[in-house]
Amino acid sequence: MLSRFYAAAEVVGLTPEEKEILSRPAEIHIAYLPVAMDDGRVQVFESYRVIHSRALGPGKGGIRYAPEVNMREVMALAAWMTWKCAVVNIPYGGAKGGITCEPKKMSVGELERLTRAYTRAMSEVFGPDKDIPAPDMGTSAREMAWIVDEYSRLNKGNFIPAVVTGKPLELGGSKGRVEATGRGVTMVVLQALQRLGRRPEGLTAAVQGFGNVGSITAKYLSQNGIRVVAISDKSGGYYNESGILIHQAIQYRDSHGGVLEGFKGGERITNDQLLTLPVDILVPAALEDQITPQNAPNIQAWLIAEGANGPTMAEADAILNQKGIVVIPDILANAGGVIVSYYEWVQNRRGHYYTETEVQERADNTIKQAFDDIFTRAAAQKVSLREAAYLIAVERVVKALRMHGKY
């Protein structure tokens, strides 16, 4: 990602000082959290919150709970959020947080105590006008509710729901938030088809990853006439030339521990095989670095929408460009979640709440406009959609940075 920033910075004309500012985090916060465990021990957890930039507005980014969380990862993800928010033109900077822990091995009580300890440690960092967390890997609306409660207690008991997004509806969450990212992936696919003069009916798609993003994307692609012939998760993949019945796959997953293992709706394939199937549209919505220099030459899809963060390695991206494959980059394709998070924050600040239809219409319009901006820029400068996205994002951030004045 840093190489993409530097490439865009050269074209946009950043000064050496501006490059240095935007290549580093603005703030790094580390806290060691002592938490009473159920067995009477006190365990100390390492936690982070990184603000990459506030040039366009308050920091925005999720909090992840995972054993592999580390400072380097959180710093990279915070920068990613800066460019993601900028490319869809919402008034946020980039931030990210994390705690090195194994949430699956912790009780609900332990997780609540950990979350409240983290909120106390970061109480001067968080704020509706400063830094607004959201769920990420290992966290959910439940953890956001605990943060709202603890943060409100620390602020004289004033109820401050806008301090986080991705909350339960009962505490000021937004309708449409759960499906926002997957719906956004579908919207940019449909917008790409429109700009390329193709109709969705009769086209085929393969979706790697069947969590929240992948399954919702598959559902909306199917509803728009695209035949989803392959899906997969960590247990492997399933292929059906006639089309996977997505509602059945979702029901099966939800009733079998959240995995597709044993699904009877298609023949078994591997995740690697899914990536090179003869389909029109490929949606990598699982892990990073799935499209590699080794498998990129064999990819047959002509349109790729990156539902996951960083699913395409830089060397593979060059191969896809050489083949003429249109790649909708992650900082646009999976931005539906942060767009609806923005509308959740707006609703909290105004005290007025939208219907689900209103949320979807606003989010759809935002991501479609962002796609059109990128498509137009790519055509004008004869660059890829990814390069155009970074050019637009870097331009917007550096213009705001300059407006703030000397540092």
Protein backbone atom coordinates (compact mmCIF):
# COMPACT_ATOMS: atom_id res chain seq x y z
CA MET A 1 0.00 0.00 0.00
CA LEU A 2 2.83 2.41 0.81
CA SER A 3 4.23 1.95 -2.70
CA ARG A 4 0.82 2.89 -4.14
CA PHE A 5 0.75 6.01 -1.97
CA TYR A 6 4.22 7.07 -3.13
CA ALA A 7 3.29 6.49 -6.78
CA ALA A 8 0.18 8.64 -6.41
CA ALA A 9 2.11 11.26 -4.43
CA GLU A 10 4.54 11.71 -7.32
CA VAL A 11 1.73 12.30 -9.82
CA VAL A 12 -0.23 14.60 -7.50
CA GLY A 13 2.90 16.61 -6.68
CA LEU A 14 3.29 16.29 -2.93
CA THR A 15 6.22 18.04 -1.31
CA PRO A 16 8.80 15.92 0.53
CA GLU A 17 7.32 17.15 3.82
CA GLU A 18 3.79 16.16 2.79
CA LYS A 19 5.00 12.71 1.75
CA GLU A 20 6.68 12.25 5.11
CA ILE A 21 3.59 13.37 7.03
CA LEU A 22 1.23 11.06 5.13
CA SER A 23 3.59 8.08 5.10
CA ARG A 24 3.55 7.95 8.93
CA PRO A 25 0.83 7.85 11.58
CA ALA A 26 -0.14 11.14 13.19
CA GLU A 27 -0.58 9.45 16.58
CA ILE A 28 0.24 6.08 18.14
CA HIS A 29 -1.33 5.09 21.45
CA ILE A 30 -0.29 1.93 23.32
CA ALA A 31 -1.89 0.76 26.55
CA TYR A 32 -1.25 -2.32 28.67
CA LEU A 33 -4.55 -3.43 30.15
CA PRO A 34 -4.67 -5.49 33.38
CA VAL A 35 -7.88 -7.53 33.33
CA ALA A 36 -9.29 -9.78 36.06
CA MET A 37 -9.90 -13.22 34.53
CA ASP A 38 -12.60 -15.63 35.65
CA ASP A 39 -10.08 -17.92 37.37
CA GLY A 40 -8.82 -15.12 39.62
CA ARG A 41 -5.67 -14.33 37.64
CA VAL A 42 -4.90 -10.85 36.35
CA GLN A 43 -3.78 -10.93 32.72
CA VAL A 44 -2.18 -7.95 30.99
CA PHE A 45 -3.18 -7.33 27.38
CA GLU A 46 -1.33 -5.12 24.90
CA SER A 47 -3.61 -2.71 23.03
CA TYR A 48 -3.22 -0.09 20.33
CA ARG A 49 -5.00 2.82 18.71
CA VAL A 50 -3.38 4.51 15.72
CA ILE A 51 -4.56 7.72 14.08
CA HIS A 52 -3.04 7.96 10.62
CA SER A 53 -4.62 11.27 9.60
CA ARG A 54 -7.27 13.74 10.72
CA ALA A 55 -6.85 16.01 7.69
CA LEU A 56 -10.40 15.36 6.43
CA GLY A 57 -12.08 14.85 9.79
CA PRO A 58 -12.04 12.68 12.92
CA GLY A 59 -10.26 9.34 12.80
CA LYS A 60 -12.37 6.39 11.67
CA GLY A 61 -11.58 2.71 11.85
CA GLY A 62 -12.38 -0.56 13.52
CA ILE A 63 -11.05 -2.33 16.59
CA ARG A 64 -9.88 -5.90 16.12
CA TYR A 65 -9.39 -8.58 18.76
CA ALA A 66 -7.05 -11.31 17.56
CA PRO A 67 -3.88 -13.08 18.74
CA GLU A 68 -1.92 -11.82 15.72
CA VAL A 69 -2.72 -8.13 16.27
CA ASN A 70 0.48 -6.05 16.32
CA MET A 71 1.52 -2.43 15.92
CA ARG A 72 2.73 -2.80 12.32
CA GLU A 73 -0.61 -4.25 11.22
CA VAL A 74 -2.63 -1.58 13.01
CA MET A 75 -0.52 1.20 11.48
CA ALA A 76 -1.05 -0.16 7.97
CA LEU A 77 -4.79 -0.57 8.47
CA ALA A 78 -5.10 2.99 9.83
CA ALA A 79 -3.51 4.36 6.66
CA TRP A 80 -5.82 2.19 4.58
CA MET A 81 -8.78 3.84 6.29
CA THR A 82 -7.47 7.30 5.40
CA TRP A 83 -7.51 6.47 1.69
CA LYS A 84 -10.78 4.54 1.88
CA CYS A 85 -12.66 7.43 3.51
CA ALA A 86 -11.10 9.92 1.11
CA VAL A 87 -11.94 7.96 -2.02
CA VAL A 88 -15.65 7.81 -1.15
CA ASN A 89 -15.55 11.46 -0.07
CA ILE A 90 -16.77 11.17 3.51
CA PRO A 91 -15.38 13.58 6.14
CA TYR A 92 -13.19 11.19 8.10
CA GLY A 93 -9.53 10.54 8.55
CA GLY A 94 -8.04 7.09 9.05
CA ALA A 95 -7.59 5.18 12.29
CA LYS A 96 -7.44 1.61 13.58
CA GLY A 97 -7.26 -0.15 16.90
CA GLY A 98 -6.58 -3.59 18.23
CA ILE A 99 -5.94 -5.76 21.24
CA THR A 100 -3.66 -8.80 21.16
CA CYS A 101 -5.93 -11.48 22.61
CA GLU A 102 -7.79 -14.69 21.73
CA PRO A 103 -11.47 -13.71 22.01
CA LYS A 104 -12.72 -17.23 21.24
CA LYS A 105 -11.08 -18.47 24.45
CA MET A 106 -12.44 -15.68 26.65
CA SER A 107 -15.75 -15.55 28.49
CA VAL A 108 -18.29 -12.80 27.88
CA GLY A 109 -17.40 -11.30 31.25
CA GLU A 110 -13.68 -11.26 30.44
CA LEU A 111 -14.34 -9.64 27.07
CA GLU A 112 -16.52 -6.98 28.67
CA ARG A 113 -13.89 -6.16 31.29
CA LEU A 114 -11.22 -6.02 28.57
CA THR A 115 -13.34 -3.72 26.37
CA ARG A 116 -14.14 -1.38 29.24
CA ALA A 117 -10.46 -1.25 30.25
CA TYR A 118 -9.53 -0.38 26.66
CA THR A 119 -12.17 2.35 26.57
CA ARG A 120 -10.85 3.87 29.79
CA ALA A 121 -7.28 3.78 28.48
CA MET A 122 -8.30 5.43 25.19
CA SER A 123 -10.94 7.78 26.61
CA GLU A 124 -8.90 10.87 25.68
CA VAL A 125 -8.33 9.50 22.17
CA PHE A 126 -11.92 8.54 21.35
CA GLY A 127 -14.65 11.10 20.76
CA PRO A 128 -17.39 11.92 18.21
CA ASP A 129 -15.23 14.75 16.85
CA LYS A 130 -11.83 13.08 17.43
CA ASP A 131 -11.80 9.33 16.75
CA ILE A 132 -14.74 7.02 16.11
CA PRO A 133 -14.15 3.25 16.42
CA ALA A 134 -16.24 0.48 14.86
CA PRO A 135 -16.32 -3.34 14.87
CA ASP A 136 -13.64 -5.32 13.08
CA MET A 137 -12.23 -8.84 13.31
CA GLY A 138 -13.21 -10.39 16.64
CA THR A 139 -15.52 -7.54 17.67
CA SER A 140 -19.17 -6.78 17.03
CA ALA A 141 -22.09 -4.55 18.00
CA ARG A 142 -21.82 -6.02 21.51
CA GLU A 143 -18.36 -4.56 22.09
CA MET A 144 -19.48 -1.23 20.63
CA ALA A 145 -22.34 -1.14 23.15
CA TRP A 146 -19.86 -1.64 26.01
CA ILE A 147 -17.70 1.19 24.66
CA VAL A 148 -20.68 3.56 24.43
CA ASP A 149 -21.67 2.71 28.00
CA GLU A 150 -18.17 3.09 29.46
CA TYR A 151 -17.37 6.24 27.49
CA SER A 152 -20.69 7.80 28.54
CA ARG A 153 -19.95 6.99 32.21
CA LEU A 154 -16.58 8.70 31.89
CA ASN A 155 -18.29 11.81 30.49
CA LYS A 156 -20.55 12.65 33.45
CA GLY A 157 -23.11 10.07 32.40
CA ASN A 158 -24.05 11.91 29.19
CA PHE A 159 -25.27 9.40 26.59
CA ILE A 160 -22.83 9.73 23.67
CA PRO A 161 -23.76 7.14 21.01
CA ALA A 162 -21.77 8.89 18.26
CA VAL A 163 -18.47 7.82 19.85
CA VAL A 164 -18.65 4.53 17.90
CA THR A 165 -20.52 3.10 14.92
CA GLY A 166 -21.72 -0.43 14.27
CA LYS A 167 -23.78 -0.32 17.47
CA PRO A 168 -26.98 -2.24 18.23
CA LEU A 169 -30.07 -0.48 16.89
CA GLU A 170 -31.29 -0.03 20.46
CA LEU A 171 -28.30 2.19 21.25
CA GLY A 172 -28.40 4.32 18.12
CA GLY A 173 -27.13 1.91 15.49
CA SER A 174 -28.19 2.32 11.88
CA LYS A 175 -30.51 0.18 9.86
CA GLY A 176 -28.72 -1.32 6.87
CA ARG A 177 -25.34 -1.52 8.62
CA VAL A 178 -25.10 -5.33 8.71
CA GLU A 179 -25.42 -5.71 4.94
CA ALA A 180 -23.64 -2.49 4.01
CA THR A 181 -20.26 -3.84 2.88
CA GLY A 182 -21.61 -6.69 0.76
CA ARG A 183 -24.28 -4.47 -0.76
CA GLY A 184 -21.59 -1.91 -1.59
CA VAL A 185 -19.53 -4.55 -3.42
CA THR A 186 -22.57 -5.37 -5.53
CA MET A 187 -23.28 -1.70 -6.26
CA VAL A 188 -19.79 -1.10 -7.67
CA VAL A 189 -20.04 -4.28 -9.76
CA LEU A 190 -23.34 -3.08 -11.24
CA GLN A 191 -21.93 0.39 -11.82
CA ALA A 192 -18.90 -1.09 -13.58
CA LEU A 193 -21.13 -3.21 -15.81
CA GLN A 194 -23.17 -0.13 -16.72
CA ARG A 195 -20.07 1.89 -17.61
CA LEU A 196 -18.70 -1.05 -19.61
CA GLY A 197 -21.97 -1.49 -21.51
CA ARG A 198 -22.79 -4.92 -20.10
CA ARG A 199 -26.04 -6.13 -18.59
CA PRO A 200 -25.90 -8.30 -15.44
CA GLU A 201 -28.42 -10.87 -16.66
CA GLY A 202 -26.70 -14.06 -17.76
CA LEU A 203 -23.29 -13.21 -16.33
CA THR A 204 -21.58 -15.59 -13.92
CA ALA A 205 -19.69 -14.94 -10.70
CA ALA A 206 -17.52 -16.72 -8.16
CA VAL A 207 -17.28 -15.45 -4.58
CA GLN A 208 -14.35 -16.45 -2.36
CA GLY A 209 -15.28 -16.08 1.30
CA PHE A 210 -18.75 -16.63 2.73
CA GLY A 211 -18.70 -14.50 5.86
CA ASN A 212 -20.71 -11.34 6.16
CA VAL A 213 -19.20 -9.64 3.10
CA GLY A 214 -19.07 -12.63 0.75
CA SER A 215 -22.50 -14.04 1.53
CA ILE A 216 -24.28 -10.67 1.29
CA THR A 217 -22.46 -9.90 -1.96
CA ALA A 218 -23.51 -13.27 -3.37
CA LYS A 219 -27.10 -12.63 -2.30
CA TYR A 220 -27.32 -9.24 -3.99
CA LEU A 221 -25.50 -10.41 -7.13
CA SER A 222 -28.07 -13.20 -7.49
CA GLN A 223 -30.95 -10.79 -6.93
CA ASN A 224 -29.62 -8.68 -9.80
CA GLY A 225 -29.60 -11.52 -12.31
CA ILE A 226 -25.99 -12.63 -11.98
CA ARG A 227 -25.58 -16.40 -11.63
CA VAL A 228 -23.27 -17.16 -8.71
CA VAL A 229 -21.75 -20.51 -9.69
CA ALA A 230 -19.15 -20.87 -6.93
CA ILE A 231 -18.75 -19.93 -3.27
CA SER A 232 -16.20 -20.89 -0.63
CA ASP A 233 -15.09 -20.41 2.95
CA LYS A 234 -12.24 -21.74 5.09
CA SER A 235 -13.60 -25.30 4.72
CA GLY A 236 -13.33 -25.22 0.92
CA GLY A 237 -15.49 -24.34 -2.06
CA TYR A 238 -18.57 -25.46 -3.96
CA TYR A 239 -19.25 -25.19 -7.69
CA ASN A 240 -22.56 -25.53 -9.50
CA GLU A 241 -22.68 -24.50 -13.16
CA SER A 242 -26.44 -23.95 -12.91
CA GLY A 243 -25.95 -21.56 -10.01
CA ILE A 244 -25.67 -21.89 -6.24
CA LEU A 245 -28.91 -21.26 -4.35
CA ILE A 246 -27.50 -18.54 -2.13
CA HIS A 247 -30.37 -18.41 0.37
CA GLN A 248 -29.94 -22.16 0.95
CA ALA A 249 -26.18 -21.76 1.40
CA ILE A 250 -26.69 -18.98 3.97
CA GLN A 251 -29.25 -21.06 5.86
CA TYR A 252 -26.91 -24.07 5.83
CA ARG A 253 -23.96 -22.03 7.09
CA ASP A 254 -25.98 -20.44 9.87
CA SER A 255 -27.26 -23.81 11.09
CA HIS A 256 -23.86 -25.55 10.90
CA GLY A 257 -21.59 -23.50 13.11
CA GLY A 258 -20.99 -20.72 10.59
CA VAL A 259 -19.21 -22.90 8.01
CA LEU A 260 -20.19 -24.45 4.66
CA GLU A 261 -18.57 -27.83 5.40
CA GLY A 262 -20.91 -30.53 4.05
CA PHE A 263 -23.06 -28.22 1.90
CA LYS A 264 -24.76 -30.27 -0.83
CA GLY A 265 -25.45 -27.47 -3.30
CA GLY A 266 -22.45 -28.06 -5.54
CA GLU A 267 -19.38 -30.15 -6.25
CA ARG A 268 -16.38 -29.66 -3.98
CA ILE A 269 -13.55 -27.45 -5.18
CA THR A 270 -10.65 -25.74 -3.44
CA ASN A 271 -10.32 -22.04 -2.78
CA ASP A 272 -7.49 -21.91 -5.31
CA GLN A 273 -9.65 -23.58 -7.96
CA LEU A 274 -12.42 -21.06 -7.37
CA LEU A 275 -10.12 -18.18 -8.29
CA THR A 276 -9.43 -19.52 -11.77
CA LEU A 277 -12.91 -20.67 -12.79
CA PRO A 278 -14.30 -19.57 -16.19
CA VAL A 279 -16.60 -16.85 -14.84
CA ASP A 280 -17.25 -13.23 -15.75
CA ILE A 281 -16.93 -11.76 -12.25
CA LEU A 282 -14.62 -12.75 -9.40
CA VAL A 283 -15.13 -11.44 -5.86
CA PRO A 284 -12.26 -12.25 -3.47
CA ALA A 285 -13.93 -11.54 -0.12
CA ALA A 286 -11.83 -13.69 2.22
CA LEU A 287 -8.21 -13.07 3.18
CA GLU A 288 -5.40 -10.89 1.88
CA ASP A 289 -2.85 -12.02 -0.72
CA GLN A 290 -5.14 -14.55 -2.42
CA ILE A 291 -4.38 -13.46 -5.99
CA THR A 292 -0.68 -14.11 -6.47
CA PRO A 293 1.87 -13.97 -9.30
CA GLN A 294 1.43 -17.74 -9.54
CA ASN A 295 -2.35 -17.86 -10.07
CA ALA A 296 -2.95 -14.45 -11.69
CA PRO A 297 -2.02 -15.70 -15.20
CA ASN A 298 -4.76 -18.35 -14.91
CA ILE A 299 -7.59 -16.07 -13.80
CA GLN A 300 -10.36 -16.09 -16.40
CA ALA A 301 -12.74 -13.49 -14.96
CA TRP A 302 -12.69 -10.14 -16.78
CA LEU A 303 -14.01 -8.17 -13.79
CA ILE A 304 -12.73 -8.44 -10.20
CA ALA A 305 -14.27 -6.67 -7.20
CA GLU A 306 -12.07 -6.80 -4.10
CA GLY A 307 -14.43 -7.49 -1.21
CA ALA A 308 -11.52 -8.24 1.13
CA ASN A 309 -8.71 -5.90 2.14
CA GLY A 310 -5.59 -6.50 0.08
CA PRO A 311 -6.60 -9.73 -1.70
CA THR A 312 -4.31 -8.99 -4.68
CA MET A 313 -0.54 -8.93 -4.34
CA ALA A 314 1.19 -6.02 -6.10
CA GLU A 315 3.00 -8.30 -8.56
CA ALA A 316 -0.26 -10.06 -9.38
CA ASP A 317 -2.00 -6.72 -9.88
CA ALA A 318 0.46 -5.89 -12.65
CA ILE A 319 -0.32 -9.21 -14.35
CA LEU A 320 -4.07 -8.58 -14.17
CA ASN A 321 -3.58 -5.13 -15.71
CA GLN A 322 -1.53 -6.61 -18.54
CA LYS A 323 -4.33 -9.08 -19.22
CA GLY A 324 -6.87 -6.26 -19.42
CA ILE A 325 -8.84 -7.46 -16.39
CA VAL A 326 -10.80 -4.66 -14.72
CA VAL A 327 -10.08 -4.63 -10.97
CA ILE A 328 -12.31 -2.59 -8.66
CA PRO A 329 -9.88 -1.91 -5.78
CA ASP A 330 -10.58 -2.71 -2.16
CA ILE A 331 -10.51 0.91 -0.96
CA LEU A 332 -13.63 1.46 -3.07
CA ALA A 333 -15.23 -1.98 -3.39
CA ASN A 334 -15.53 -2.71 0.33
CA ALA A 335 -16.20 0.86 1.47
CA GLY A 336 -19.94 0.29 1.91
CA GLY A 337 -19.46 -0.43 5.60
CA VAL A 338 -17.70 2.83 6.41
CA ILE A 339 -20.19 4.77 4.30
CA VAL A 340 -23.11 3.48 6.37
CA SER A 341 -21.02 4.04 9.51
CA TYR A 342 -20.83 7.68 8.45
CA TYR A 343 -24.61 7.84 8.10
CA GLU A 344 -24.97 6.19 11.52
CA TRP A 345 -22.76 8.93 12.99
CA VAL A 346 -24.81 11.60 11.19
CA GLN A 347 -28.04 10.14 12.58
CA ASN A 348 -26.60 10.10 16.11
CA ARG A 349 -25.51 13.73 15.82
CA ARG A 350 -28.87 14.88 14.45
CA GLY A 351 -31.05 12.70 16.65
CA HIS A 352 -33.05 11.75 13.55
CA TYR A 353 -33.02 8.21 12.18
CA TYR A 354 -33.48 7.00 8.60
CA THR A 355 -35.45 4.02 7.36
CA GLU A 356 -33.45 1.13 5.92
CA THR A 357 -34.48 2.19 2.42
CA GLU A 358 -33.23 5.73 3.05
CA VAL A 359 -29.89 4.43 4.36
CA GLN A 360 -29.46 2.14 1.36
CA GLU A 361 -30.32 4.88 -1.13
CA ARG A 362 -27.84 7.31 0.44
CA ALA A 363 -25.10 4.68 0.63
CA ASP A 364 -25.74 3.46 -2.93
CA ASN A 365 -25.54 7.00 -4.29
CA THR A 366 -22.31 7.68 -2.39
CA ILE A 367 -20.48 4.60 -3.62
CA LYS A 368 -21.80 4.94 -7.19
CA GLN A 369 -20.56 8.53 -7.34
CA ALA A 370 -17.18 7.41 -6.03
CA PHE A 371 -16.99 4.72 -8.71
CA ASP A 372 -17.90 7.19 -11.45
CA ASP A 373 -15.21 9.62 -10.24
CA ILE A 374 -12.61 6.85 -10.34
CA PHE A 375 -13.75 5.43 -13.69
CA THR A 376 -13.66 8.89 -15.29
CA ARG A 377 -10.21 9.63 -13.86
CA ALA A 378 -8.85 6.26 -14.99
CA ALA A 379 -10.09 6.81 -18.54
CA ALA A 380 -8.75 10.38 -18.67
CA GLN A 381 -5.27 9.48 -17.42
CA LYS A 382 -5.14 5.99 -18.94
CA VAL A 383 -4.43 4.30 -15.63
CA SER A 384 -6.03 1.42 -13.73
CA LEU A 385 -8.99 1.92 -11.41
CA ARG A 386 -6.67 1.27 -8.45
CA GLU A 387 -4.22 3.94 -9.55
CA ALA A 388 -7.07 6.38 -10.17
CA ALA A 389 -8.54 5.66 -6.73
CA TYR A 390 -5.25 6.44 -5.01
CA LEU A 391 -4.78 9.59 -7.07
CA ILE A 392 -8.19 10.88 -6.00
CA ALA A 393 -7.72 9.87 -2.37
CA VAL A 394 -4.25 11.41 -2.03
CA GLU A 395 -5.39 14.60 -3.77
CA ARG A 396 -8.31 15.05 -1.38
CA VAL A 397 -6.23 14.42 1.72
CA VAL A 398 -3.34 16.67 0.73
CA LYS A 399 -5.68 19.51 -0.26
CA ALA A 400 -7.22 19.35 3.20
CA LEU A 401 -3.77 19.11 4.79
CA ARG A 402 -2.71 22.29 3.00
CA MET A 403 -5.88 24.08 4.10
CA HIS A 404 -4.98 23.37 7.73
CA GLY A 405 -1.84 25.47 7.26
CA LYS A 406 1.76 24.98 8.33
CA TYR A 407 2.37 22.30 10.86
